[in-house]
Amino acid sequence: MQVDFITCYRALRLNDLRTARMAMAIDRQQGGLEKLRSTGVSVSASIKVSQLLEYYLANRNLSLTDFDRIKRYLGVNR
């Protein structure tokens, strides 16, 4: 089951819990960090999904076709 940070943040708020800072391993670059920041939460990510894709492409773990397909699916600019 995939749970995103927006869902976690909402669950905390519904239970009258507050958070000032959140950290995540991977930024999927789909707007979640910006949404959380707009609520006043400090958010950081270790790496962006585009950086992972570039790494896998450079190391030939991912074909250019798959790289482009994944970036289109995620809506991430190259």
N, C-alpha and C. Protein backbone atom coordinates (compact mmCIF):
# COMPACT_ATOMS: atom_id res chain seq x y z
N MET A 1 0.83 -1.17 0.00
CA MET A 1 0.00 0.00 0.00
C MET A 1 0.88 1.24 0.00
N GLN A 2 0.62 2.13 -0.91
CA GLN A 2 1.39 3.36 -1.01
C GLN A 2 0.66 4.48 -0.27
N VAL A 3 1.37 5.13 0.62
CA VAL A 3 0.81 6.26 1.34
C VAL A 3 1.72 7.46 1.07
N ASP A 4 1.15 8.54 0.60
CA ASP A 4 1.98 9.70 0.31
C ASP A 4 2.03 10.64 1.52
N PHE A 5 2.89 11.63 1.44
CA PHE A 5 3.09 12.53 2.56
C PHE A 5 1.90 13.44 2.80
N ILE A 6 1.17 13.78 1.76
CA ILE A 6 -0.03 14.61 1.93
C ILE A 6 -1.05 13.85 2.77
N THR A 7 -1.23 12.56 2.49
CA THR A 7 -2.16 11.72 3.26
C THR A 7 -1.71 11.63 4.71
N CYS A 8 -0.43 11.43 4.93
CA CYS A 8 0.10 11.37 6.31
C CYS A 8 -0.12 12.69 7.03
N TYR A 9 0.16 13.79 6.35
CA TYR A 9 -0.01 15.10 6.96
C TYR A 9 -1.48 15.33 7.35
N ARG A 10 -2.40 14.99 6.47
CA ARG A 10 -3.83 15.14 6.77
C ARG A 10 -4.24 14.29 7.96
N ALA A 11 -3.72 13.07 8.04
CA ALA A 11 -4.05 12.19 9.17
C ALA A 11 -3.55 12.79 10.48
N LEU A 12 -2.37 13.37 10.46
CA LEU A 12 -1.85 14.03 11.65
C LEU A 12 -2.75 15.18 12.07
N ARG A 13 -3.13 16.00 11.10
CA ARG A 13 -3.98 17.17 11.39
C ARG A 13 -5.34 16.75 11.93
N LEU A 14 -5.92 15.69 11.36
CA LEU A 14 -7.23 15.22 11.82
C LEU A 14 -7.19 14.74 13.27
N ASN A 15 -6.02 14.33 13.71
CA ASN A 15 -5.85 13.87 15.09
C ASN A 15 -5.21 14.93 15.99
N ASP A 16 -5.32 16.19 15.56
CA ASP A 16 -4.80 17.34 16.31
C ASP A 16 -3.31 17.24 16.61
N LEU A 17 -2.58 16.60 15.72
CA LEU A 17 -1.12 16.53 15.84
C LEU A 17 -0.51 17.50 14.84
N ARG A 18 0.56 18.12 15.21
CA ARG A 18 1.22 19.09 14.34
C ARG A 18 2.63 18.61 14.02
N THR A 19 3.08 18.98 12.85
CA THR A 19 4.46 18.68 12.47
C THR A 19 5.05 19.91 11.83
N ALA A 20 6.30 20.16 12.11
CA ALA A 20 6.98 21.31 11.54
C ALA A 20 7.93 20.90 10.43
N ARG A 21 8.30 19.61 10.42
CA ARG A 21 9.30 19.15 9.46
C ARG A 21 9.01 17.72 9.03
N MET A 22 9.18 17.46 7.73
CA MET A 22 9.03 16.11 7.19
C MET A 22 10.21 15.84 6.26
N ALA A 23 10.64 14.59 6.24
CA ALA A 23 11.73 14.18 5.35
C ALA A 23 11.27 12.96 4.57
N MET A 24 11.67 12.90 3.33
CA MET A 24 11.34 11.74 2.50
C MET A 24 12.57 11.28 1.74
N ALA A 25 12.55 10.04 1.35
CA ALA A 25 13.69 9.49 0.61
C ALA A 25 13.69 9.99 -0.82
N ILE A 26 12.54 9.92 -1.50
CA ILE A 26 12.47 10.26 -2.92
C ILE A 26 11.36 11.28 -3.16
N ASP A 27 11.72 12.36 -3.85
CA ASP A 27 10.74 13.34 -4.30
C ASP A 27 10.26 12.89 -5.67
N ARG A 28 8.98 12.52 -5.78
CA ARG A 28 8.44 12.06 -7.06
C ARG A 28 8.24 13.21 -8.04
N GLN A 29 8.44 14.43 -7.59
CA GLN A 29 8.33 15.63 -8.43
C GLN A 29 6.93 15.77 -9.03
N GLN A 30 5.93 15.50 -8.22
CA GLN A 30 4.56 15.61 -8.69
C GLN A 30 3.78 16.65 -7.87
N GLY A 31 4.51 17.54 -7.19
CA GLY A 31 3.88 18.65 -6.50
C GLY A 31 3.65 18.48 -5.01
N GLY A 32 3.94 17.31 -4.48
CA GLY A 32 3.70 17.06 -3.06
C GLY A 32 4.51 17.94 -2.13
N LEU A 33 5.79 18.13 -2.43
CA LEU A 33 6.63 18.97 -1.58
C LEU A 33 6.10 20.39 -1.53
N GLU A 34 5.71 20.91 -2.68
CA GLU A 34 5.20 22.27 -2.74
C GLU A 34 3.89 22.41 -1.96
N LYS A 35 3.02 21.41 -2.05
CA LYS A 35 1.76 21.45 -1.29
C LYS A 35 2.03 21.47 0.20
N LEU A 36 2.94 20.63 0.66
CA LEU A 36 3.27 20.61 2.08
C LEU A 36 3.92 21.92 2.52
N ARG A 37 4.82 22.43 1.71
CA ARG A 37 5.48 23.69 2.05
C ARG A 37 4.46 24.83 2.15
N SER A 38 3.44 24.78 1.33
CA SER A 38 2.42 25.84 1.37
C SER A 38 1.63 25.83 2.67
N THR A 39 1.69 24.73 3.42
CA THR A 39 1.01 24.65 4.71
C THR A 39 1.93 25.08 5.85
N GLY A 40 3.18 25.40 5.52
CA GLY A 40 4.13 25.83 6.54
C GLY A 40 5.05 24.74 7.03
N VAL A 41 4.94 23.54 6.47
CA VAL A 41 5.81 22.43 6.88
C VAL A 41 7.13 22.52 6.11
N SER A 42 8.23 22.34 6.80
CA SER A 42 9.53 22.28 6.16
C SER A 42 9.73 20.85 5.65
N VAL A 43 9.95 20.71 4.35
CA VAL A 43 10.04 19.38 3.74
C VAL A 43 11.37 19.25 2.99
N SER A 44 11.99 18.09 3.12
CA SER A 44 13.21 17.83 2.37
C SER A 44 13.15 16.41 1.81
N ALA A 45 13.87 16.22 0.72
CA ALA A 45 13.96 14.90 0.09
C ALA A 45 15.43 14.59 -0.18
N SER A 46 15.78 13.32 -0.05
CA SER A 46 17.16 12.91 -0.28
C SER A 46 17.55 12.99 -1.75
N ILE A 47 16.61 12.63 -2.62
CA ILE A 47 16.90 12.60 -4.05
C ILE A 47 15.60 12.77 -4.83
N LYS A 48 15.71 13.32 -6.03
CA LYS A 48 14.56 13.48 -6.91
C LYS A 48 14.46 12.26 -7.83
N VAL A 49 13.24 11.92 -8.19
CA VAL A 49 13.04 10.77 -9.07
C VAL A 49 13.77 10.98 -10.40
N SER A 50 13.83 12.20 -10.89
CA SER A 50 14.54 12.46 -12.15
C SER A 50 16.03 12.15 -12.01
N GLN A 51 16.60 12.40 -10.83
CA GLN A 51 18.01 12.07 -10.61
C GLN A 51 18.23 10.56 -10.62
N LEU A 52 17.30 9.82 -10.04
CA LEU A 52 17.40 8.36 -10.08
C LEU A 52 17.31 7.84 -11.51
N LEU A 53 16.37 8.38 -12.27
CA LEU A 53 16.22 7.95 -13.65
C LEU A 53 17.47 8.26 -14.47
N GLU A 54 18.04 9.44 -14.27
CA GLU A 54 19.28 9.81 -14.97
C GLU A 54 20.41 8.84 -14.61
N TYR A 55 20.49 8.49 -13.32
CA TYR A 55 21.52 7.55 -12.87
C TYR A 55 21.35 6.19 -13.54
N TYR A 56 20.12 5.67 -13.53
CA TYR A 56 19.88 4.36 -14.15
C TYR A 56 20.12 4.39 -15.65
N LEU A 57 19.79 5.49 -16.29
CA LEU A 57 20.05 5.61 -17.72
C LEU A 57 21.55 5.64 -17.99
N ALA A 58 22.29 6.43 -17.23
CA ALA A 58 23.74 6.55 -17.41
C ALA A 58 24.47 5.23 -17.17
N ASN A 59 23.93 4.42 -16.26
CA ASN A 59 24.56 3.14 -15.94
C ASN A 59 23.97 1.97 -16.71
N ARG A 60 23.19 2.31 -17.71
CA ARG A 60 22.58 1.32 -18.62
C ARG A 60 21.70 0.30 -17.91
N ASN A 61 21.06 0.74 -16.81
CA ASN A 61 20.08 -0.10 -16.14
C ASN A 61 18.68 0.21 -16.66
N LEU A 62 18.60 1.19 -17.54
CA LEU A 62 17.32 1.66 -18.07
C LEU A 62 17.55 2.10 -19.50
N SER A 63 16.69 1.63 -20.41
CA SER A 63 16.83 2.04 -21.81
C SER A 63 16.29 3.46 -21.99
N LEU A 64 16.72 4.12 -23.04
CA LEU A 64 16.24 5.47 -23.34
C LEU A 64 14.73 5.46 -23.56
N THR A 65 14.23 4.40 -24.19
CA THR A 65 12.78 4.28 -24.41
C THR A 65 12.04 4.22 -23.09
N ASP A 66 12.50 3.39 -22.17
CA ASP A 66 11.85 3.29 -20.86
C ASP A 66 12.02 4.57 -20.06
N PHE A 67 13.20 5.18 -20.15
CA PHE A 67 13.45 6.45 -19.48
C PHE A 67 12.42 7.50 -19.90
N ASP A 68 12.25 7.66 -21.20
CA ASP A 68 11.29 8.64 -21.72
C ASP A 68 9.85 8.29 -21.34
N ARG A 69 9.52 7.01 -21.39
CA ARG A 69 8.17 6.57 -21.04
C ARG A 69 7.85 6.86 -19.57
N ILE A 70 8.80 6.58 -18.70
CA ILE A 70 8.60 6.81 -17.26
C ILE A 70 8.49 8.31 -16.98
N LYS A 71 9.34 9.12 -17.60
CA LYS A 71 9.29 10.56 -17.39
C LYS A 71 7.96 11.13 -17.86
N ARG A 72 7.46 10.64 -18.99
CA ARG A 72 6.14 11.10 -19.48
C ARG A 72 5.05 10.71 -18.50
N TYR A 73 5.10 9.47 -18.00
CA TYR A 73 4.09 9.00 -17.06
C TYR A 73 4.08 9.84 -15.78
N LEU A 74 5.26 10.14 -15.28
CA LEU A 74 5.37 10.92 -14.05
C LEU A 74 5.14 12.41 -14.27
N GLY A 75 5.22 12.83 -15.52
CA GLY A 75 5.08 14.26 -15.81
C GLY A 75 6.28 15.06 -15.38
N VAL A 76 7.45 14.43 -15.40
CA VAL A 76 8.69 15.07 -14.97
C VAL A 76 9.42 15.60 -16.20
N ASN A 77 9.82 16.85 -16.15
CA ASN A 77 10.57 17.44 -17.26
C ASN A 77 11.97 16.90 -17.30
N ARG A 78 12.47 16.69 -18.51
CA ARG A 78 13.83 16.17 -18.68
C ARG A 78 14.84 17.27 -18.56
